[in-house]
Protein backbone atom coordinates (compact mmCIF):
# COMPACT_ATOMS: atom_id res chain seq x y z
CA MET A 1 163.90 161.99 120.90
CA ASN A 2 164.84 161.29 124.12
CA ASN A 3 162.44 159.81 127.05
CA ARG A 4 161.50 162.83 128.61
CA ASP A 5 160.87 164.82 125.54
CA GLU A 6 158.46 161.82 124.59
CA GLU A 7 156.59 162.67 127.79
CA SER A 8 156.27 165.50 127.10
CA TRP A 9 155.27 165.20 123.33
CA THR A 10 152.47 162.67 125.19
CA SER A 11 151.60 165.01 127.43
CA TYR A 12 150.67 167.57 125.15
CA LYS A 13 149.13 165.73 122.73
CA ILE A 14 146.48 164.62 125.82
CA ILE A 15 146.10 168.24 127.21
CA ARG A 16 145.58 169.36 123.47
CA ASN A 17 142.89 167.06 122.39
CA GLU A 18 141.26 167.83 125.59
CA CYS A 19 141.27 171.60 125.18
CA VAL A 20 139.70 171.06 121.04
CA ALA A 21 137.25 168.50 122.41
CA LEU A 22 136.08 171.00 125.60
CA ASN A 23 136.14 173.70 122.88
CA LYS A 24 134.11 171.74 120.48
CA LEU A 25 131.72 170.42 122.78
CA LYS A 26 131.07 174.23 123.91
CA ARG A 27 130.75 175.69 120.61
CA ASN A 28 127.68 173.29 119.89
CA GLU A 29 125.95 174.26 123.20
CA TYR A 30 126.11 177.89 122.50
CA LEU A 31 125.05 176.81 118.62
CA ARG A 32 122.06 174.65 120.11
CA SER A 33 120.88 177.24 122.91
CA GLY A 34 121.13 180.28 119.64
CA ILE A 35 118.80 178.22 117.82
CA ASP A 36 116.20 176.61 120.56
CA GLY A 37 115.91 179.95 122.29
CA ASN A 38 114.99 181.89 119.29
CA LYS A 39 112.89 179.59 117.67
CA ASN A 40 110.57 182.10 117.24
CA ASN A 41 112.97 185.22 116.46
CA LEU A 42 114.38 184.03 113.37
CA ARG A 43 116.47 187.04 112.79
CA VAL A 44 118.32 186.68 116.26
CA MET A 45 118.65 182.72 115.26
CA TRP A 46 120.35 183.70 111.54
CA LYS A 47 122.37 185.68 113.26
CA THR A 48 123.68 183.38 115.52
CA LEU A 49 124.46 180.66 112.77
CA LYS A 50 126.14 183.49 110.94
CA ALA A 51 128.20 184.25 113.50
CA THR A 52 129.55 180.81 114.23
CA THR A 53 129.74 179.37 110.74
CA ALA A 54 132.02 182.96 110.35
CA LEU A 55 134.37 181.61 112.68
CA GLU A 56 135.32 178.10 110.99
């Protein structure tokens, strides 16, 4: 692997890891807001939980 390929691969991994971390953060925020915002409405709360676990 030449130097340019190594730089590209390193840049790719850094950006990929940032995207994965951001995606995980936003997913957790969505899940938390769906649960906290619907504590009194169990039907909607469970619908939110089911929708997020189906994505995994």
